[in-house]
C-alpha atoms as a PDB file:
ATOM      1  CA  MET A   1     -25.483 -22.546 -12.044  1.00  0.00           C
ATOM      2  CA  SER A   2     -21.774 -22.840 -13.034  1.00  0.00           C
ATOM      3  CA  THR A   3     -18.170 -22.537 -11.030  1.00  0.00           C
ATOM      4  CA  PRO A   4     -15.939 -19.865 -12.482  1.00  0.00           C
ATOM      5  CA  SER A   5     -12.703 -21.551 -14.002  1.00  0.00           C
ATOM      6  CA  ALA A   6      -9.160 -21.021 -12.478  1.00  0.00           C
ATOM      7  CA  SER A   7      -9.262 -18.100 -15.878  1.00  0.00           C
ATOM      8  CA  GLN A   8     -12.486 -16.284 -14.452  1.00  0.00           C
ATOM      9  CA  ILE A   9     -11.986 -15.561 -11.239  1.00  0.00           C
ATOM     10  CA  PRO A  10     -10.355 -12.336 -10.953  1.00  0.00           C
ATOM     11  CA  ILE A  11      -6.754 -11.687  -9.337  1.00  0.00           C
ATOM     12  CA  GLU A  12      -5.884  -9.462  -6.382  1.00  0.00           C
ATOM     13  CA  GLU A  13      -3.285  -7.216  -6.604  1.00  0.00           C
ATOM     14  CA  PHE A  14      -1.476  -4.376  -6.463  1.00  0.00           C
ATOM     15  CA  LYS A  15       1.625  -2.947  -7.600  1.00  0.00           C
ATOM     16  CA  ALA A  16       3.697   0.299  -7.873  1.00  0.00           C
ATOM     17  CA  THR A  17       6.533   1.847  -9.502  1.00  0.00           C
ATOM     18  CA  LEU A  18       8.669   3.051  -6.751  1.00  0.00           C
ATOM     19  CA  LYS A  19      10.371   5.551  -9.078  1.00  0.00           C
ATOM     20  CA  LEU A  20      13.781   6.771  -6.580  1.00  0.00           C
ATOM     21  CA  GLN A  21      17.440   8.408  -7.721  1.00  0.00           C
ATOM     22  CA  SER A  22      18.995   4.999  -7.445  1.00  0.00           C
ATOM     23  CA  GLY A  23      16.229   3.845  -9.864  1.00  0.00           C
ATOM     24  CA  ASP A  24      12.911   2.311 -10.758  1.00  0.00           C
ATOM     25  CA  PHE A  25      11.938  -0.416  -7.279  1.00  0.00           C
ATOM     26  CA  GLU A  26       8.629  -2.399  -8.743  1.00  0.00           C
ATOM     27  CA  PHE A  27       6.990  -3.565  -5.790  1.00  0.00           C
ATOM     28  CA  LYS A  28       4.352  -6.370  -5.414  1.00  0.00           C
ATOM     29  CA  ALA A  29       1.939  -6.226  -2.788  1.00  0.00           C
ATOM     30  CA  ASN A  30       2.531  -9.701  -1.338  1.00  0.00           C
ATOM     31  CA  LYS A  31      -0.172  -9.065   1.571  1.00  0.00           C
ATOM     32  CA  ILE A  32      -3.388  -6.565   1.426  1.00  0.00           C
ATOM     33  CA  ASN A  33      -5.625  -5.383   4.462  1.00  0.00           C
ATOM     34  CA  ILE A  34      -7.651  -3.443   4.015  1.00  0.00           C
ATOM     35  CA  VAL A  35      -9.663  -2.405   7.536  1.00  0.00           C
ATOM     36  CA  LYS A  36     -11.673   0.337   8.188  1.00  0.00           C
ATOM     37  CA  SER A  37     -11.168   4.294   9.830  1.00  0.00           C
ATOM     38  CA  VAL A  38     -12.028   8.035  10.014  1.00  0.00           C
ATOM     39  CA  ASP A  39      -9.695  10.767   8.681  1.00  0.00           C
ATOM     40  CA  LEU A  40      -8.866  13.415  10.764  1.00  0.00           C
ATOM     41  CA  SER A  41     -12.102  15.800   9.967  1.00  0.00           C
ATOM     42  CA  GLY A  42     -14.093  13.004   9.973  1.00  0.00           C
ATOM     43  CA  ASN A  43     -14.561  11.978   7.129  1.00  0.00           C
ATOM     44  CA  LYS A  44     -15.224   7.585   6.990  1.00  0.00           C
ATOM     45  CA  CYS A  45     -11.853   5.803   5.200  1.00  0.00           C
ATOM     46  CA  TRP A  46     -10.925   2.488   4.185  1.00  0.00           C
ATOM     47  CA  THR A  47      -7.030   2.440   4.160  1.00  0.00           C
ATOM     48  CA  ILE A  48      -6.237   0.039   2.142  1.00  0.00           C
ATOM     49  CA  LYS A  49      -2.133  -1.754   3.196  1.00  0.00           C
ATOM     50  CA  ALA A  50      -0.562  -3.003   0.621  1.00  0.00           C
ATOM     51  CA  PHE A  51       2.912  -4.381   2.146  1.00  0.00           C
ATOM     52  CA  GLN A  52       5.671  -6.458  -0.067  1.00  0.00           C
ATOM     53  CA  GLU A  53       8.515  -9.025   2.749  1.00  0.00           C
ATOM     54  CA  ILE A  54      11.967  -8.426   1.304  1.00  0.00           C
ATOM     55  CA  PHE A  55      13.703 -10.926   2.839  1.00  0.00           C
ATOM     56  CA  ASN A  56      18.261  -9.930   2.508  1.00  0.00           C
ATOM     57  CA  ASP A  57      20.192 -12.999   3.190  1.00  0.00           C
ATOM     58  CA  LYS A  58      23.291 -12.512   2.612  1.00  0.00           C
ATOM     59  CA  GLY A  59      24.604 -16.215   3.507  1.00  0.00           C
ATOM     60  CA  PRO A  60      25.967 -18.366   6.803  1.00  0.00           C
ATOM     61  CA  THR A  61      29.135 -16.732   7.923  1.00  0.00           C
ATOM     62  CA  SER A  62      26.926 -12.395   7.391  1.00  0.00           C
ATOM     63  CA  ASP A  63      25.776 -10.750  10.564  1.00  0.00           C
ATOM     64  CA  LEU A  64      23.296  -9.758   8.054  1.00  0.00           C
ATOM     65  CA  THR A  65      21.928 -13.375   7.528  1.00  0.00           C
ATOM     66  CA  GLY A  66      17.870 -13.117   7.715  1.00  0.00           C
ATOM     67  CA  ILE A  67      17.562  -8.725   8.103  1.00  0.00           C
ATOM     68  CA  LYS A  68      13.862  -7.841   6.823  1.00  0.00           C
ATOM     69  CA  GLU A  69      12.572  -5.018   5.035  1.00  0.00           C
ATOM     70  CA  VAL A  70       8.789  -4.674   4.077  1.00  0.00           C
ATOM     71  CA  ILE A  71       7.851  -1.746   1.993  1.00  0.00           C
ATOM     72  CA  ALA A  72       4.168  -1.016   2.026  1.00  0.00           C
ATOM     73  CA  ILE A  73       2.635   1.738   0.358  1.00  0.00           C
ATOM     74  CA  HIS A  74      -1.145   3.411   2.581  1.00  0.00           C
ATOM     75  CA  LEU A  75      -3.756   4.663   0.515  1.00  0.00           C
ATOM     76  CA  ASN A  76      -6.657   5.688   2.503  1.00  0.00           C
ATOM     77  CA  ILE A  77     -10.266   6.573   0.538  1.00  0.00           C
ATOM     78  CA  ALA A  78     -13.651   7.473   1.035  1.00  0.00           C
ATOM     79  CA  ARG A  79     -15.640   4.735   1.536  1.00  0.00           C
ATOM     80  CA  GLU A  80     -18.546   6.502  -0.464  1.00  0.00           C
ATOM     81  CA  PRO A  81     -18.213   5.129  -4.623  1.00  0.00           C
ATOM     82  CA  ILE A  82     -16.796   7.754  -6.652  1.00  0.00           C
ATOM     83  CA  ALA A  83     -15.599   7.116 -10.626  1.00  0.00           C
ATOM     84  CA  ASP A  84     -13.767   9.755 -11.156  1.00  0.00           C
ATOM     85  CA  ASN A  85      -9.639  11.645  -9.750  1.00  0.00           C
ATOM     86  CA  GLN A  86      -9.567  12.430  -7.007  1.00  0.00           C
ATOM     87  CA  GLN A  87      -6.432  14.432  -6.113  1.00  0.00           C
ATOM     88  CA  LEU A  88      -4.244  12.707  -2.938  1.00  0.00           C
ATOM     89  CA  LEU A  89      -3.872  15.381   0.018  1.00  0.00           C
ATOM     90  CA  PRO A  90      -1.224  15.722   2.402  1.00  0.00           C
ATOM     91  CA  ALA A  91      -0.507  12.743   3.727  1.00  0.00           C
ATOM     92  CA  ALA A  92      -1.058  13.309   7.623  1.00  0.00           C
ATOM     93  CA  LEU A  93       2.207  11.879  10.522  1.00  0.00           C
ATOM     94  CA  PRO A  94       0.311   8.283  12.082  1.00  0.00           C
ATOM     95  CA  PRO A  95      -1.796   6.827  13.820  1.00  0.00           C
ATOM     96  CA  ALA A  96      -3.537  10.398  12.179  1.00  0.00           C
ATOM     97  CA  LEU A  97      -5.047  10.018   8.486  1.00  0.00           C
ATOM     98  CA  ASN A  98      -6.047  12.446   6.148  1.00  0.00           C
ATOM     99  CA  LYS A  99      -9.299  10.742   3.252  1.00  0.00           C
ATOM    100  CA  ASN A 100      -7.745  10.770  -0.146  1.00  0.00           C
ATOM    101  CA  SER A 101      -3.473  10.415   0.680  1.00  0.00           C
ATOM    102  CA  GLY A 102      -0.942   8.446   0.733  1.00  0.00           C
ATOM    103  CA  SER A 103       1.894   7.253   1.946  1.00  0.00           C
ATOM    104  CA  VAL A 104       5.466   4.506   1.468  1.00  0.00           C
ATOM    105  CA  PHE A 105       6.568   2.967   4.197  1.00  0.00           C
ATOM    106  CA  LYS A 106       9.888   1.501   5.381  1.00  0.00           C
ATOM    107  CA  ILE A 107      10.003  -1.183   8.464  1.00  0.00           C
ATOM    108  CA  VAL A 108      13.768  -3.107   8.991  1.00  0.00           C
ATOM    109  CA  ASP A 109      13.848  -5.791  10.839  1.00  0.00           C
ATOM    110  CA  ASN A 110      18.500  -5.222  10.861  1.00  0.00           C
ATOM    111  CA  ILE A 111      18.666  -7.448  14.399  1.00  0.00           C
ATOM    112  CA  PRO A 112      17.247 -11.023  13.909  1.00  0.00           C
ATOM    113  CA  ASP A 113      15.243 -11.419  17.595  1.00  0.00           C
ATOM    114  CA  GLU A 114      12.670 -14.535  17.896  1.00  0.00           C
ATOM    115  CA  ASN A 115       9.749 -11.645  18.532  1.00  0.00           C
ATOM    116  CA  ASN A 116      10.935 -10.796  14.885  1.00  0.00           C
ATOM    117  CA  GLN A 117      10.865  -7.075  16.370  1.00  0.00           C
ATOM    118  CA  ILE A 118      10.751  -3.992  14.356  1.00  0.00           C
ATOM    119  CA  ASP A 119      14.284  -2.612  14.932  1.00  0.00           C
ATOM    120  CA  THR A 120      13.054   0.381  12.362  1.00  0.00           C
ATOM    121  CA  THR A 121      10.599   2.191  10.945  1.00  0.00           C
ATOM    122  CA  GLU A 122      10.608   4.844   7.608  1.00  0.00           C
ATOM    123  CA  ASN A 123       6.996   7.402   6.818  1.00  0.00           C
ATOM    124  CA  TYR A 124       7.383   8.555   3.602  1.00  0.00           C
ATOM    125  CA  PRO A 125       4.869  10.581   3.462  1.00  0.00           C
ATOM    126  CA  GLY A 126       2.951  11.263  -0.427  1.00  0.00           C
ATOM    127  CA  ASP A 127       1.959  15.477  -0.591  1.00  0.00           C
ATOM    128  CA  ALA A 128       0.546  14.748  -3.620  1.00  0.00           C
ATOM    129  CA  GLY A 129      -1.028  12.762  -6.096  1.00  0.00           C
ATOM    130  CA  GLU A 130      -4.255  10.725  -7.916  1.00  0.00           C
ATOM    131  CA  ILE A 131      -6.060   8.258  -7.084  1.00  0.00           C
ATOM    132  CA  THR A 132      -9.107   6.467  -9.663  1.00  0.00           C
ATOM    133  CA  TYR A 133     -11.003   3.774  -7.848  1.00  0.00           C
ATOM    134  CA  LEU A 134     -13.935   1.862  -9.376  1.00  0.00           C
ATOM    135  CA  TRP A 135     -16.155  -0.745  -7.924  1.00  0.00           C
ATOM    136  CA  ASP A 136     -17.564  -3.008 -10.166  1.00  0.00           C
ATOM    137  CA  GLU A 137     -21.561  -3.551 -10.368  1.00  0.00           C
ATOM    138  CA  LEU A 138     -22.027  -6.268  -7.641  1.00  0.00           C
ATOM    139  CA  ARG A 139     -19.174  -5.257  -5.456  1.00  0.00           C
ATOM    140  CA  THR A 140     -16.787  -7.603  -5.202  1.00  0.00           C
ATOM    141  CA  ASN A 141     -13.955  -6.659  -6.015  1.00  0.00           C
ATOM    142  CA  ILE A 142     -12.704  -2.710  -6.652  1.00  0.00           C
ATOM    143  CA  THR A 143     -10.006  -1.476  -8.448  1.00  0.00           C
ATOM    144  CA  GLY A 144      -7.373   1.367  -8.772  1.00  0.00           C
ATOM    145  CA  THR A 145      -5.186   3.192 -10.548  1.00  0.00           C
ATOM    146  CA  PHE A 146      -2.878   6.045  -8.376  1.00  0.00           C
ATOM    147  CA  SER A 147      -0.026   8.502  -8.842  1.00  0.00           C
ATOM    148  CA  LEU A 148       1.993   9.557  -5.407  1.00  0.00           C
ATOM    149  CA  ARG A 149       4.527  12.105  -5.083  1.00  0.00           C
ATOM    150  CA  GLY A 150       5.972  11.204  -1.491  1.00  0.00           C
ATOM    151  CA  LYS A 151       8.707  13.119   0.345  1.00  0.00           C
ATOM    152  CA  TYR A 152      11.967  11.992   1.344  1.00  0.00           C
ATOM    153  CA  ALA A 153      14.031  13.623   2.739  1.00  0.00           C
ATOM    154  CA  ASP A 154      14.747  17.037   1.047  1.00  0.00           C
ATOM    155  CA  ASP A 155      13.943  15.706  -2.290  1.00  0.00           C
ATOM    156  CA  TYR A 156      10.648  13.216  -3.633  1.00  0.00           C
ATOM    157  CA  PHE A 157       9.752  10.425  -5.517  1.00  0.00           C
ATOM    158  CA  LEU A 158       7.164   9.699  -7.625  1.00  0.00           C
ATOM    159  CA  VAL A 159       4.338   6.181  -7.568  1.00  0.00           C
ATOM    160  CA  PHE A 160       3.041   4.823 -10.215  1.00  0.00           C
ATOM    161  CA  GLY A 161       0.898   2.183  -9.284  1.00  0.00           C
ATOM    162  CA  SER A 162      -3.060   0.549 -10.047  1.00  0.00           C
ATOM    163  CA  PHE A 163      -4.747  -1.875  -7.854  1.00  0.00           C
ATOM    164  CA  ASN A 164      -7.126  -4.480  -7.399  1.00  0.00           C
ATOM    165  CA  LEU A 165      -9.195  -5.381  -4.156  1.00  0.00           C
ATOM    166  CA  LEU A 166     -11.529  -9.035  -3.873  1.00  0.00           C
ATOM    167  CA  ASN A 167     -14.688  -7.641  -1.497  1.00  0.00           C
ATOM    168  CA  ARG A 168     -14.957 -11.329   0.861  1.00  0.00           C
ATOM    169  CA  GLY A 169     -12.329 -12.756   2.767  1.00  0.00           C
ATOM    170  CA  GLN A 170      -9.978 -10.773   5.625  1.00  0.00           C
ATOM    171  CA  HIS A 171     -11.038  -7.762   4.213  1.00  0.00           C
ATOM    172  CA  ILE A 172     -14.949  -7.503   3.344  1.00  0.00           C
ATOM    173  CA  ILE A 173     -15.424  -3.574   2.629  1.00  0.00           C
END
């Protein structure tokens, strides 16, 4: 039995493009969590939580030194494997969730402190979209694509993304 080479080891990634009025934002998760969850109707789900941390360092004389923003995309998918497109439903307000839904979050720590306490959390619930995801034959990874329409104040933005998640390590699913 041979060991897979570096080029054969699947890469775990979660990436998306957020189409905002101010322009496109390229999201690439640098932290991914997957947790077991149950939606409002009792459906068993996986909640995929993808995070991109952004540090805005304005320099030693600025009051903004060390501001940390986290952009998060959460997708709630059915635990049972599927192979076709699923419509995304409107998201519930946290901590509740709906199966086949998604939301975008912006978390800001704008007052530097020892505990890095979160000062502001903004929730942009998805109200429509589509997701397709598929397990490989041995259930070692799940790949998918999604589109999501998020609500921001009285306007909307679009999110188009894809993921390849490994079934090992901190998130065995």
